[in-house]
Amino acid sequence: MAKPNYSYEKRKKEIEKAKKKEEKRQRKIEKAVIEANTEQPNPEQHNSEQPKPDQTDQL
């Protein structure tokens, strides 16, 4: 009877785990880039919005 090669199976499982972890890391990076682009559109547009009132005006 053939002896199972556990070290090969373990190595294969480790490679799959590392690949999955890398793919997850890439998805997180892509998501962060997309969010950064949508949160900070154009600084010129931000300045043209209505100015905030001073704190002293509220008293």
PDB file of N, CA and C in Angstrom:
ATOM      1  N   MET A   1       0.837  -1.174   0.000  1.00  0.00           N
ATOM      2  CA  MET A   1       0.000   0.000   0.000  1.00  0.00           C
ATOM      3  C   MET A   1       0.891   1.249   0.000  1.00  0.00           C
ATOM      4  N   ALA A   2       0.462   2.276  -0.761  1.00  0.00           N
ATOM      5  CA  ALA A   2       1.248   3.501  -0.889  1.00  0.00           C
ATOM      6  C   ALA A   2       1.094   4.375   0.354  1.00  0.00           C
ATOM      7  N   LYS A   3       2.188   4.992   0.707  1.00  0.00           N
ATOM      8  CA  LYS A   3       2.200   5.870   1.873  1.00  0.00           C
ATOM      9  C   LYS A   3       1.763   7.280   1.447  1.00  0.00           C
ATOM     10  N   PRO A   4       0.814   7.891   2.146  1.00  0.00           N
ATOM     11  CA  PRO A   4       0.382   9.245   1.774  1.00  0.00           C
ATOM     12  C   PRO A   4       1.495  10.271   2.026  1.00  0.00           C
ATOM     13  N   ASN A   5       1.567  11.243   1.131  1.00  0.00           N
ATOM     14  CA  ASN A   5       2.585  12.280   1.235  1.00  0.00           C
ATOM     15  C   ASN A   5       1.961  13.502   1.925  1.00  0.00           C
ATOM     16  N   TYR A   6       1.997  13.496   3.243  1.00  0.00           N
ATOM     17  CA  TYR A   6       1.361  14.563   4.006  1.00  0.00           C
ATOM     18  C   TYR A   6       2.067  15.904   3.827  1.00  0.00           C
ATOM     19  N   SER A   7       3.372  15.876   3.662  1.00  0.00           N
ATOM     20  CA  SER A   7       4.095  17.144   3.512  1.00  0.00           C
ATOM     21  C   SER A   7       3.696  17.853   2.217  1.00  0.00           C
ATOM     22  N   TYR A   8       3.427  17.098   1.158  1.00  0.00           N
ATOM     23  CA  TYR A   8       2.971  17.698  -0.104  1.00  0.00           C
ATOM     24  C   TYR A   8       1.595  18.330   0.082  1.00  0.00           C
ATOM     25  N   GLU A   9       0.705  17.608   0.742  1.00  0.00           N
ATOM     26  CA  GLU A   9      -0.645  18.132   0.979  1.00  0.00           C
ATOM     27  C   GLU A   9      -0.598  19.385   1.856  1.00  0.00           C
ATOM     28  N   LYS A  10       0.264  19.354   2.866  1.00  0.00           N
ATOM     29  CA  LYS A  10       0.389  20.507   3.749  1.00  0.00           C
ATOM     30  C   LYS A  10       0.924  21.708   2.977  1.00  0.00           C
ATOM     31  N   ARG A  11       1.936  21.495   2.168  1.00  0.00           N
ATOM     32  CA  ARG A  11       2.524  22.589   1.383  1.00  0.00           C
ATOM     33  C   ARG A  11       1.499  23.161   0.405  1.00  0.00           C
ATOM     34  N   LYS A  12       0.728  22.278  -0.216  1.00  0.00           N
ATOM     35  CA  LYS A  12      -0.301  22.723  -1.161  1.00  0.00           C
ATOM     36  C   LYS A  12      -1.337  23.583  -0.444  1.00  0.00           C
ATOM     37  N   LYS A  13      -1.733  23.159   0.748  1.00  0.00           N
ATOM     38  CA  LYS A  13      -2.714  23.910   1.530  1.00  0.00           C
ATOM     39  C   LYS A  13      -2.148  25.275   1.929  1.00  0.00           C
ATOM     40  N   GLU A  14      -0.867  25.314   2.306  1.00  0.00           N
ATOM     41  CA  GLU A  14      -0.226  26.575   2.685  1.00  0.00           C
ATOM     42  C   GLU A  14      -0.160  27.539   1.502  1.00  0.00           C
ATOM     43  N   ILE A  15       0.135  27.021   0.318  1.00  0.00           N
ATOM     44  CA  ILE A  15       0.198  27.859  -0.884  1.00  0.00           C
ATOM     45  C   ILE A  15      -1.176  28.429  -1.198  1.00  0.00           C
ATOM     46  N   GLU A  16      -2.208  27.615  -1.109  1.00  0.00           N
ATOM     47  CA  GLU A  16      -3.578  28.088  -1.357  1.00  0.00           C
ATOM     48  C   GLU A  16      -3.968  29.162  -0.349  1.00  0.00           C
ATOM     49  N   LYS A  17      -3.593  28.958   0.908  1.00  0.00           N
ATOM     50  CA  LYS A  17      -3.908  29.924   1.957  1.00  0.00           C
ATOM     51  C   LYS A  17      -3.197  31.255   1.695  1.00  0.00           C
ATOM     52  N   ALA A  18      -1.927  31.194   1.308  1.00  0.00           N
ATOM     53  CA  ALA A  18      -1.164  32.409   1.018  1.00  0.00           C
ATOM     54  C   ALA A  18      -1.742  33.145  -0.187  1.00  0.00           C
ATOM     55  N   LYS A  19      -2.172  32.388  -1.194  1.00  0.00           N
ATOM     56  CA  LYS A  19      -2.761  32.992  -2.391  1.00  0.00           C
ATOM     57  C   LYS A  19      -4.060  33.707  -2.035  1.00  0.00           C
ATOM     58  N   LYS A  20      -4.888  33.066  -1.232  1.00  0.00           N
ATOM     59  CA  LYS A  20      -6.156  33.659  -0.822  1.00  0.00           C
ATOM     60  C   LYS A  20      -5.913  34.924   0.002  1.00  0.00           C
ATOM     61  N   LYS A  21      -4.922  34.885   0.878  1.00  0.00           N
ATOM     62  CA  LYS A  21      -4.589  36.043   1.707  1.00  0.00           C
ATOM     63  C   LYS A  21      -4.116  37.208   0.839  1.00  0.00           C
ATOM     64  N   GLU A  22      -3.306  36.928  -0.166  1.00  0.00           N
ATOM     65  CA  GLU A  22      -2.812  37.971  -1.073  1.00  0.00           C
ATOM     66  C   GLU A  22      -3.960  38.583  -1.872  1.00  0.00           C
ATOM     67  N   GLU A  23      -4.880  37.753  -2.346  1.00  0.00           N
ATOM     68  CA  GLU A  23      -6.037  38.266  -3.091  1.00  0.00           C
ATOM     69  C   GLU A  23      -6.886  39.170  -2.197  1.00  0.00           C
ATOM     70  N   LYS A  24      -7.069  38.788  -0.956  1.00  0.00           N
ATOM     71  CA  LYS A  24      -7.844  39.598  -0.018  1.00  0.00           C
ATOM     72  C   LYS A  24      -7.150  40.936   0.223  1.00  0.00           C
ATOM     73  N   ARG A  25      -5.828  40.906   0.353  1.00  0.00           N
ATOM     74  CA  ARG A  25      -5.066  42.137   0.554  1.00  0.00           C
ATOM     75  C   ARG A  25      -5.215  43.070  -0.641  1.00  0.00           C
ATOM     76  N   GLN A  26      -5.171  42.512  -1.847  1.00  0.00           N
ATOM     77  CA  GLN A  26      -5.334  43.315  -3.059  1.00  0.00           C
ATOM     78  C   GLN A  26      -6.726  43.939  -3.120  1.00  0.00           C
ATOM     79  N   ARG A  27      -7.752  43.176  -2.748  1.00  0.00           N
ATOM     80  CA  ARG A  27      -9.122  43.722  -2.741  1.00  0.00           C
ATOM     81  C   ARG A  27      -9.239  44.880  -1.761  1.00  0.00           C
ATOM     82  N   LYS A  28      -8.621  44.750  -0.594  1.00  0.00           N
ATOM     83  CA  LYS A  28      -8.663  45.823   0.396  1.00  0.00           C
ATOM     84  C   LYS A  28      -7.980  47.077  -0.134  1.00  0.00           C
ATOM     85  N   ILE A  29      -6.843  46.908  -0.797  1.00  0.00           N
ATOM     86  CA  ILE A  29      -6.117  48.051  -1.359  1.00  0.00           C
ATOM     87  C   ILE A  29      -6.958  48.735  -2.421  1.00  0.00           C
ATOM     88  N   GLU A  30      -7.556  47.966  -3.313  1.00  0.00           N
ATOM     89  CA  GLU A  30      -8.391  48.536  -4.370  1.00  0.00           C
ATOM     90  C   GLU A  30      -9.583  49.279  -3.771  1.00  0.00           C
ATOM     91  N   LYS A  31     -10.192  48.706  -2.748  1.00  0.00           N
ATOM     92  CA  LYS A  31     -11.339  49.344  -2.102  1.00  0.00           C
ATOM     93  C   LYS A  31     -10.924  50.664  -1.454  1.00  0.00           C
ATOM     94  N   ALA A  32      -9.770  50.683  -0.808  1.00  0.00           N
ATOM     95  CA  ALA A  32      -9.285  51.901  -0.165  1.00  0.00           C
ATOM     96  C   ALA A  32      -9.005  52.988  -1.194  1.00  0.00           C
ATOM     97  N   VAL A  33      -8.459  52.625  -2.340  1.00  0.00           N
ATOM     98  CA  VAL A  33      -8.172  53.601  -3.391  1.00  0.00           C
ATOM     99  C   VAL A  33      -9.469  54.180  -3.934  1.00  0.00           C
ATOM    100  N   ILE A  34     -10.450  53.343  -4.157  1.00  0.00           N
ATOM    101  CA  ILE A  34     -11.744  53.810  -4.676  1.00  0.00           C
ATOM    102  C   ILE A  34     -12.399  54.751  -3.674  1.00  0.00           C
ATOM    103  N   GLU A  35     -12.388  54.388  -2.394  1.00  0.00           N
ATOM    104  CA  GLU A  35     -12.991  55.239  -1.371  1.00  0.00           C
ATOM    105  C   GLU A  35     -12.262  56.569  -1.257  1.00  0.00           C
ATOM    106  N   ALA A  36     -10.949  56.554  -1.361  1.00  0.00           N
ATOM    107  CA  ALA A  36     -10.173  57.792  -1.266  1.00  0.00           C
ATOM    108  C   ALA A  36     -10.509  58.717  -2.433  1.00  0.00           C
ATOM    109  N   ASN A  37     -10.726  58.151  -3.604  1.00  0.00           N
ATOM    110  CA  ASN A  37     -11.052  58.966  -4.773  1.00  0.00           C
ATOM    111  C   ASN A  37     -12.449  59.553  -4.668  1.00  0.00           C
ATOM    112  N   THR A  38     -13.392  58.840  -4.086  1.00  0.00           N
ATOM    113  CA  THR A  38     -14.759  59.343  -3.998  1.00  0.00           C
ATOM    114  C   THR A  38     -14.928  60.330  -2.851  1.00  0.00           C
ATOM    115  N   GLU A  39     -14.159  60.191  -1.778  1.00  0.00           N
ATOM    116  CA  GLU A  39     -14.282  61.088  -0.640  1.00  0.00           C
ATOM    117  C   GLU A  39     -13.663  62.451  -0.908  1.00  0.00           C
ATOM    118  N   GLN A  40     -12.609  62.509  -1.697  1.00  0.00           N
ATOM    119  CA  GLN A  40     -11.923  63.759  -1.980  1.00  0.00           C
ATOM    120  C   GLN A  40     -11.978  64.040  -3.470  1.00  0.00           C
ATOM    121  N   PRO A  41     -13.134  64.506  -3.968  1.00  0.00           N
ATOM    122  CA  PRO A  41     -13.264  64.696  -5.410  1.00  0.00           C
ATOM    123  C   PRO A  41     -12.278  65.726  -5.947  1.00  0.00           C
ATOM    124  N   ASN A  42     -12.602  66.987  -5.860  1.00  0.00           N
ATOM    125  CA  ASN A  42     -11.746  68.030  -6.388  1.00  0.00           C
ATOM    126  C   ASN A  42     -11.649  69.119  -5.330  1.00  0.00           C
ATOM    127  N   PRO A  43     -10.458  69.508  -4.911  1.00  0.00           N
ATOM    128  CA  PRO A  43     -10.343  70.515  -3.855  1.00  0.00           C
ATOM    129  C   PRO A  43     -10.956  71.860  -4.246  1.00  0.00           C
ATOM    130  N   GLU A  44     -10.985  72.188  -5.513  1.00  0.00           N
ATOM    131  CA  GLU A  44     -11.571  73.448  -5.965  1.00  0.00           C
ATOM    132  C   GLU A  44     -13.077  73.455  -5.711  1.00  0.00           C
ATOM    133  N   GLN A  45     -13.729  72.325  -5.878  1.00  0.00           N
ATOM    134  CA  GLN A  45     -15.161  72.234  -5.643  1.00  0.00           C
ATOM    135  C   GLN A  45     -15.461  72.370  -4.154  1.00  0.00           C
ATOM    136  N   HIS A  46     -14.590  71.865  -3.305  1.00  0.00           N
ATOM    137  CA  HIS A  46     -14.794  71.955  -1.864  1.00  0.00           C
ATOM    138  C   HIS A  46     -14.779  73.405  -1.399  1.00  0.00           C
ATOM    139  N   ASN A  47     -13.902  74.218  -1.956  1.00  0.00           N
ATOM    140  CA  ASN A  47     -13.770  75.606  -1.532  1.00  0.00           C
ATOM    141  C   ASN A  47     -14.926  76.471  -2.006  1.00  0.00           C
ATOM    142  N   SER A  48     -15.609  76.090  -3.057  1.00  0.00           N
ATOM    143  CA  SER A  48     -16.683  76.906  -3.599  1.00  0.00           C
ATOM    144  C   SER A  48     -18.002  76.720  -2.843  1.00  0.00           C
ATOM    145  N   GLU A  49     -18.052  75.780  -1.909  1.00  0.00           N
ATOM    146  CA  GLU A  49     -19.267  75.572  -1.132  1.00  0.00           C
ATOM    147  C   GLU A  49     -19.450  76.714  -0.139  1.00  0.00           C
ATOM    148  N   GLN A  50     -20.593  76.762   0.499  1.00  0.00           N
ATOM    149  CA  GLN A  50     -20.898  77.837   1.436  1.00  0.00           C
ATOM    150  C   GLN A  50     -19.920  77.825   2.602  1.00  0.00           C
ATOM    151  N   PRO A  51     -19.465  79.005   3.006  1.00  0.00           N
ATOM    152  CA  PRO A  51     -18.539  79.053   4.148  1.00  0.00           C
ATOM    153  C   PRO A  51     -19.270  78.727   5.446  1.00  0.00           C
ATOM    154  N   LYS A  52     -18.540  78.174   6.386  1.00  0.00           N
ATOM    155  CA  LYS A  52     -19.123  77.815   7.675  1.00  0.00           C
ATOM    156  C   LYS A  52     -19.263  79.072   8.531  1.00  0.00           C
ATOM    157  N   PRO A  53     -20.350  79.204   9.271  1.00  0.00           N
ATOM    158  CA  PRO A  53     -20.510  80.382  10.140  1.00  0.00           C
ATOM    159  C   PRO A  53     -19.544  80.315  11.318  1.00  0.00           C
ATOM    160  N   ASP A  54     -19.178  81.480  11.826  1.00  0.00           N
ATOM    161  CA  ASP A  54     -18.281  81.542  12.980  1.00  0.00           C
ATOM    162  C   ASP A  54     -19.008  81.081  14.235  1.00  0.00           C
ATOM    163  N   GLN A  55     -18.242  80.649  15.212  1.00  0.00           N
ATOM    164  CA  GLN A  55     -18.817  80.213  16.482  1.00  0.00           C
ATOM    165  C   GLN A  55     -19.466  81.387  17.215  1.00  0.00           C
ATOM    166  N   THR A  56     -18.945  82.610  17.056  1.00  0.00           N
ATOM    167  CA  THR A  56     -19.470  83.769  17.769  1.00  0.00           C
ATOM    168  C   THR A  56     -20.845  84.168  17.258  1.00  0.00           C
ATOM    169  N   ASP A  57     -21.180  83.847  16.015  1.00  0.00           N
ATOM    170  CA  ASP A  57     -22.481  84.185  15.459  1.00  0.00           C
ATOM    171  C   ASP A  57     -23.605  83.398  16.125  1.00  0.00           C
ATOM    172  N   GLN A  58     -23.298  82.253  16.660  1.00  0.00           N
ATOM    173  CA  GLN A  58     -24.316  81.400  17.250  1.00  0.00           C
ATOM    174  C   GLN A  58     -24.699  81.845  18.653  1.00  0.00           C
ATOM    175  N   LEU A  59     -23.883  82.661  19.302  1.00  0.00           N
ATOM    176  CA  LEU A  59     -24.176  83.098  20.669  1.00  0.00           C
ATOM    177  C   LEU A  59     -25.133  84.199  20.646  1.00  0.00           C
TER     178      LEU A  59
END
